[in-house]
Amino acid sequence: MRTVLLLLVSNIFMTIAWYGHLKHNSAALWKVILISWGIAFFEYCFQVPANRLGFLEGINGFQLKMIQEVITLSVFCIFAITYLKEPLRWNYLVAFGLLLGAVYFMFKK
């Protein structure tokens, strides 16, 4: 559970670093890059411990990556709808459902 919570916080920072600038097209690209790097620092402060803790708790690398991707898409969906004001289409939901199926099979013994 700690791993998932750390990954969630990490992905909030990551999403803001990677996509937060999209609504600020007038800002100079070099400034956006530097600000994004600064935000991404905090992403790594949560991401690295999350992966280490998860691995020490018996989650393998493939499983950590799959958890990461589901959390990334979940955080991004909320971000895209609330901040970018983009619609959530049915095909996005189907694709997300298929990814959840992949998680199921990833953890199946």
N, C-alpha and C. Protein backbone atom coordinates (compact mmCIF):
# COMPACT_ATOMS: atom_id res chain seq x y z
N MET A 1 0.82 -1.20 0.00
CA MET A 1 0.00 0.00 0.00
C MET A 1 0.86 1.26 0.00
N ARG A 2 1.99 1.22 0.75
CA ARG A 2 2.89 2.38 0.73
C ARG A 2 3.40 2.65 -0.66
N THR A 3 3.71 1.57 -1.38
CA THR A 3 4.21 1.72 -2.74
C THR A 3 3.20 2.43 -3.62
N VAL A 4 1.95 2.03 -3.53
CA VAL A 4 0.90 2.64 -4.35
C VAL A 4 0.71 4.11 -3.98
N LEU A 5 0.72 4.43 -2.71
CA LEU A 5 0.56 5.82 -2.29
C LEU A 5 1.72 6.70 -2.76
N LEU A 6 2.93 6.17 -2.63
CA LEU A 6 4.10 6.93 -3.12
C LEU A 6 4.04 7.11 -4.63
N LEU A 7 3.61 6.08 -5.34
CA LEU A 7 3.48 6.18 -6.80
C LEU A 7 2.40 7.19 -7.18
N LEU A 8 1.34 7.24 -6.41
CA LEU A 8 0.28 8.20 -6.68
C LEU A 8 0.80 9.63 -6.55
N VAL A 9 1.49 9.91 -5.46
CA VAL A 9 2.05 11.26 -5.28
C VAL A 9 3.07 11.56 -6.37
N SER A 10 3.90 10.60 -6.68
CA SER A 10 4.90 10.76 -7.74
C SER A 10 4.24 11.13 -9.06
N ASN A 11 3.16 10.45 -9.38
CA ASN A 11 2.49 10.68 -10.65
C ASN A 11 1.76 12.01 -10.72
N ILE A 12 1.33 12.52 -9.59
CA ILE A 12 0.74 13.85 -9.58
C ILE A 12 1.80 14.87 -9.99
N PHE A 13 2.98 14.76 -9.38
CA PHE A 13 4.07 15.66 -9.78
C PHE A 13 4.46 15.46 -11.24
N MET A 14 4.55 14.21 -11.68
CA MET A 14 4.95 13.92 -13.05
C MET A 14 3.96 14.52 -14.05
N THR A 15 2.68 14.35 -13.79
CA THR A 15 1.68 14.85 -14.71
C THR A 15 1.74 16.37 -14.81
N ILE A 16 1.91 17.02 -13.68
CA ILE A 16 2.03 18.48 -13.70
C ILE A 16 3.29 18.90 -14.45
N ALA A 17 4.40 18.20 -14.22
CA ALA A 17 5.66 18.54 -14.91
C ALA A 17 5.55 18.34 -16.41
N TRP A 18 4.93 17.24 -16.83
CA TRP A 18 4.88 16.92 -18.25
C TRP A 18 3.80 17.66 -19.03
N TYR A 19 2.66 17.91 -18.38
CA TYR A 19 1.52 18.44 -19.12
C TYR A 19 0.98 19.76 -18.60
N GLY A 20 1.43 20.21 -17.45
CA GLY A 20 0.91 21.45 -16.87
C GLY A 20 1.16 22.68 -17.72
N HIS A 21 2.19 22.66 -18.51
CA HIS A 21 2.57 23.81 -19.33
C HIS A 21 1.73 23.95 -20.60
N LEU A 22 0.93 22.96 -20.94
CA LEU A 22 0.21 22.99 -22.21
C LEU A 22 -0.75 24.16 -22.34
N LYS A 23 -1.24 24.66 -21.24
CA LYS A 23 -2.14 25.81 -21.28
C LYS A 23 -1.39 27.14 -21.21
N HIS A 24 -0.07 27.09 -21.21
CA HIS A 24 0.75 28.31 -21.11
C HIS A 24 1.68 28.40 -22.31
N ASN A 25 1.09 28.50 -23.49
CA ASN A 25 1.86 28.50 -24.73
C ASN A 25 2.74 29.73 -24.90
N SER A 26 2.45 30.81 -24.18
CA SER A 26 3.24 32.03 -24.35
C SER A 26 4.56 31.97 -23.58
N ALA A 27 4.69 31.06 -22.65
CA ALA A 27 5.93 30.95 -21.88
C ALA A 27 7.05 30.41 -22.76
N ALA A 28 8.24 30.93 -22.57
CA ALA A 28 9.39 30.46 -23.35
C ALA A 28 9.66 28.99 -23.04
N LEU A 29 9.99 28.25 -24.07
CA LEU A 29 10.20 26.81 -23.92
C LEU A 29 11.30 26.51 -22.90
N TRP A 30 12.39 27.26 -22.91
CA TRP A 30 13.47 26.99 -21.97
C TRP A 30 13.01 27.17 -20.52
N LYS A 31 12.11 28.14 -20.28
CA LYS A 31 11.58 28.33 -18.94
C LYS A 31 10.69 27.16 -18.53
N VAL A 32 9.88 26.72 -19.48
CA VAL A 32 8.99 25.59 -19.21
C VAL A 32 9.81 24.34 -18.89
N ILE A 33 10.90 24.14 -19.62
CA ILE A 33 11.76 22.98 -19.38
C ILE A 33 12.36 23.05 -17.97
N LEU A 34 12.89 24.20 -17.59
CA LEU A 34 13.49 24.33 -16.26
C LEU A 34 12.47 24.14 -15.14
N ILE A 35 11.30 24.72 -15.31
CA ILE A 35 10.25 24.56 -14.31
C ILE A 35 9.82 23.09 -14.23
N SER A 36 9.68 22.45 -15.38
CA SER A 36 9.29 21.03 -15.40
C SER A 36 10.35 20.17 -14.73
N TRP A 37 11.62 20.46 -14.95
CA TRP A 37 12.69 19.71 -14.27
C TRP A 37 12.59 19.88 -12.77
N GLY A 38 12.30 21.10 -12.33
CA GLY A 38 12.16 21.35 -10.90
C GLY A 38 11.02 20.56 -10.29
N ILE A 39 9.90 20.49 -11.00
CA ILE A 39 8.76 19.71 -10.52
C ILE A 39 9.09 18.22 -10.56
N ALA A 40 9.77 17.79 -11.62
CA ALA A 40 10.12 16.38 -11.77
C ALA A 40 11.06 15.90 -10.66
N PHE A 41 11.84 16.79 -10.08
CA PHE A 41 12.68 16.40 -8.96
C PHE A 41 11.84 15.77 -7.85
N PHE A 42 10.69 16.39 -7.56
CA PHE A 42 9.82 15.87 -6.51
C PHE A 42 9.18 14.54 -6.93
N GLU A 43 8.94 14.40 -8.22
CA GLU A 43 8.46 13.11 -8.73
C GLU A 43 9.44 12.01 -8.35
N TYR A 44 10.71 12.23 -8.61
CA TYR A 44 11.73 11.22 -8.32
C TYR A 44 11.88 10.97 -6.83
N CYS A 45 11.65 12.00 -6.02
CA CYS A 45 11.73 11.83 -4.56
C CYS A 45 10.68 10.85 -4.04
N PHE A 46 9.62 10.65 -4.78
CA PHE A 46 8.59 9.69 -4.41
C PHE A 46 8.68 8.41 -5.23
N GLN A 47 9.06 8.53 -6.50
CA GLN A 47 9.11 7.38 -7.40
C GLN A 47 10.19 6.37 -6.99
N VAL A 48 11.37 6.85 -6.72
CA VAL A 48 12.48 5.94 -6.39
C VAL A 48 12.20 5.16 -5.10
N PRO A 49 11.77 5.82 -4.02
CA PRO A 49 11.43 5.04 -2.81
C PRO A 49 10.26 4.08 -3.05
N ALA A 50 9.29 4.49 -3.85
CA ALA A 50 8.15 3.61 -4.13
C ALA A 50 8.62 2.32 -4.79
N ASN A 51 9.47 2.44 -5.79
CA ASN A 51 9.96 1.25 -6.48
C ASN A 51 10.84 0.39 -5.57
N ARG A 52 11.66 1.04 -4.78
CA ARG A 52 12.53 0.27 -3.88
C ARG A 52 11.70 -0.47 -2.84
N LEU A 53 10.76 0.22 -2.21
CA LEU A 53 9.90 -0.42 -1.21
C LEU A 53 9.10 -1.56 -1.82
N GLY A 54 8.53 -1.30 -2.98
CA GLY A 54 7.74 -2.33 -3.65
C GLY A 54 8.57 -3.56 -3.96
N PHE A 55 9.77 -3.34 -4.45
CA PHE A 55 10.65 -4.46 -4.79
C PHE A 55 11.04 -5.24 -3.54
N LEU A 56 11.34 -4.53 -2.46
CA LEU A 56 11.70 -5.19 -1.21
C LEU A 56 10.51 -5.96 -0.61
N GLU A 57 9.30 -5.51 -0.93
CA GLU A 57 8.10 -6.19 -0.44
C GLU A 57 7.67 -7.34 -1.33
N GLY A 58 8.42 -7.61 -2.39
CA GLY A 58 8.14 -8.76 -3.23
C GLY A 58 7.44 -8.47 -4.54
N ILE A 59 7.28 -7.20 -4.91
CA ILE A 59 6.70 -6.86 -6.21
C ILE A 59 7.84 -6.83 -7.22
N ASN A 60 7.71 -7.58 -8.31
CA ASN A 60 8.82 -7.59 -9.27
C ASN A 60 8.76 -6.38 -10.20
N GLY A 61 9.78 -6.22 -10.99
CA GLY A 61 9.90 -5.06 -11.87
C GLY A 61 8.76 -4.91 -12.85
N PHE A 62 8.33 -6.02 -13.45
CA PHE A 62 7.21 -5.97 -14.39
C PHE A 62 5.94 -5.50 -13.69
N GLN A 63 5.70 -6.02 -12.50
CA GLN A 63 4.51 -5.64 -11.75
C GLN A 63 4.56 -4.18 -11.31
N LEU A 64 5.73 -3.71 -10.88
CA LEU A 64 5.88 -2.30 -10.51
C LEU A 64 5.56 -1.40 -11.69
N LYS A 65 6.04 -1.77 -12.85
CA LYS A 65 5.80 -0.94 -14.04
C LYS A 65 4.32 -0.93 -14.40
N MET A 66 3.65 -2.06 -14.29
CA MET A 66 2.23 -2.11 -14.62
C MET A 66 1.42 -1.27 -13.63
N ILE A 67 1.74 -1.37 -12.34
CA ILE A 67 1.08 -0.53 -11.34
C ILE A 67 1.29 0.94 -11.69
N GLN A 68 2.52 1.27 -12.03
CA GLN A 68 2.87 2.64 -12.40
C GLN A 68 2.02 3.14 -13.56
N GLU A 69 1.86 2.34 -14.57
CA GLU A 69 1.11 2.76 -15.76
C GLU A 69 -0.37 2.99 -15.45
N VAL A 70 -0.95 2.12 -14.64
CA VAL A 70 -2.37 2.31 -14.28
C VAL A 70 -2.54 3.58 -13.46
N ILE A 71 -1.64 3.82 -12.52
CA ILE A 71 -1.72 5.04 -11.72
C ILE A 71 -1.51 6.25 -12.61
N THR A 72 -0.55 6.18 -13.52
CA THR A 72 -0.29 7.29 -14.43
C THR A 72 -1.53 7.64 -15.23
N LEU A 73 -2.18 6.65 -15.80
CA LEU A 73 -3.38 6.91 -16.60
C LEU A 73 -4.53 7.43 -15.74
N SER A 74 -4.65 6.93 -14.54
CA SER A 74 -5.72 7.40 -13.65
C SER A 74 -5.51 8.87 -13.30
N VAL A 75 -4.30 9.22 -12.91
CA VAL A 75 -3.99 10.61 -12.56
C VAL A 75 -4.16 11.50 -13.79
N PHE A 76 -3.69 11.01 -14.95
CA PHE A 76 -3.80 11.83 -16.15
C PHE A 76 -5.25 12.05 -16.55
N CYS A 77 -6.09 11.04 -16.42
CA CYS A 77 -7.51 11.21 -16.76
C CYS A 77 -8.13 12.34 -15.94
N ILE A 78 -7.88 12.33 -14.66
CA ILE A 78 -8.42 13.39 -13.80
C ILE A 78 -7.85 14.75 -14.21
N PHE A 79 -6.55 14.79 -14.47
CA PHE A 79 -5.89 16.03 -14.88
C PHE A 79 -6.44 16.55 -16.22
N ALA A 80 -6.59 15.66 -17.19
CA ALA A 80 -7.06 16.06 -18.51
C ALA A 80 -8.49 16.59 -18.46
N ILE A 81 -9.31 15.97 -17.64
CA ILE A 81 -10.70 16.41 -17.54
C ILE A 81 -10.82 17.72 -16.77
N THR A 82 -10.12 17.82 -15.64
CA THR A 82 -10.29 19.01 -14.78
C THR A 82 -9.44 20.20 -15.22
N TYR A 83 -8.19 19.95 -15.59
CA TYR A 83 -7.29 21.07 -15.91
C TYR A 83 -7.29 21.41 -17.41
N LEU A 84 -7.14 20.40 -18.24
CA LEU A 84 -7.10 20.65 -19.68
C LEU A 84 -8.48 20.78 -20.30
N LYS A 85 -9.51 20.41 -19.54
CA LYS A 85 -10.91 20.49 -20.00
C LYS A 85 -11.15 19.64 -21.24
N GLU A 86 -10.53 18.48 -21.28
CA GLU A 86 -10.71 17.56 -22.41
C GLU A 86 -11.79 16.55 -22.05
N PRO A 87 -12.58 16.13 -23.05
CA PRO A 87 -13.64 15.15 -22.77
C PRO A 87 -13.07 13.75 -22.58
N LEU A 88 -13.75 12.96 -21.76
CA LEU A 88 -13.39 11.56 -21.58
C LEU A 88 -14.29 10.75 -22.51
N ARG A 89 -13.72 10.20 -23.56
CA ARG A 89 -14.50 9.49 -24.57
C ARG A 89 -14.60 8.02 -24.21
N TRP A 90 -15.60 7.37 -24.80
CA TRP A 90 -15.87 5.96 -24.50
C TRP A 90 -14.68 5.07 -24.85
N ASN A 91 -13.99 5.37 -25.95
CA ASN A 91 -12.88 4.52 -26.35
C ASN A 91 -11.70 4.63 -25.38
N TYR A 92 -11.56 5.78 -24.70
CA TYR A 92 -10.53 5.90 -23.68
C TYR A 92 -10.85 4.98 -22.51
N LEU A 93 -12.13 4.92 -22.15
CA LEU A 93 -12.56 4.05 -21.06
C LEU A 93 -12.36 2.58 -21.41
N VAL A 94 -12.63 2.19 -22.65
CA VAL A 94 -12.41 0.81 -23.09
C VAL A 94 -10.92 0.48 -23.01
N ALA A 95 -10.08 1.38 -23.50
CA ALA A 95 -8.63 1.16 -23.46
C ALA A 95 -8.15 1.03 -22.01
N PHE A 96 -8.69 1.85 -21.14
CA PHE A 96 -8.31 1.78 -19.74
C PHE A 96 -8.76 0.45 -19.12
N GLY A 97 -9.95 0.01 -19.48
CA GLY A 97 -10.43 -1.29 -19.01
C GLY A 97 -9.53 -2.43 -19.46
N LEU A 98 -9.05 -2.36 -20.69
CA LEU A 98 -8.13 -3.38 -21.18
C LEU A 98 -6.82 -3.36 -20.40
N LEU A 99 -6.37 -2.17 -20.06
CA LEU A 99 -5.16 -2.07 -19.26
C LEU A 99 -5.36 -2.68 -17.87
N LEU A 100 -6.53 -2.47 -17.29
CA LEU A 100 -6.82 -3.09 -16.00
C LEU A 100 -6.83 -4.61 -16.13
N GLY A 101 -7.30 -5.11 -17.28
CA GLY A 101 -7.22 -6.54 -17.54
C GLY A 101 -5.77 -7.01 -17.58
N ALA A 102 -4.91 -6.20 -18.14
CA ALA A 102 -3.48 -6.53 -18.19
C ALA A 102 -2.91 -6.61 -16.77
N VAL A 103 -3.35 -5.73 -15.90
CA VAL A 103 -2.89 -5.77 -14.51
C VAL A 103 -3.33 -7.09 -13.86
N TYR A 104 -4.55 -7.47 -14.10
CA TYR A 104 -5.05 -8.74 -13.55
C TYR A 104 -4.14 -9.90 -13.95
N PHE A 105 -3.82 -9.98 -15.24
CA PHE A 105 -2.99 -11.07 -15.72
C PHE A 105 -1.54 -10.95 -15.25
N MET A 106 -1.08 -9.73 -15.03
CA MET A 106 0.28 -9.51 -14.56
C MET A 106 0.47 -10.11 -13.16
N PHE A 107 -0.56 -10.02 -12.34
CA PHE A 107 -0.46 -10.51 -10.96
C PHE A 107 -1.00 -11.92 -10.76
N LYS A 108 -1.55 -12.50 -11.82
CA LYS A 108 -2.09 -13.87 -11.73
C LYS A 108 -0.92 -14.85 -11.60
N LYS A 109 -1.05 -15.77 -10.67
CA LYS A 109 0.03 -16.75 -10.43
C LYS A 109 0.07 -17.79 -11.53
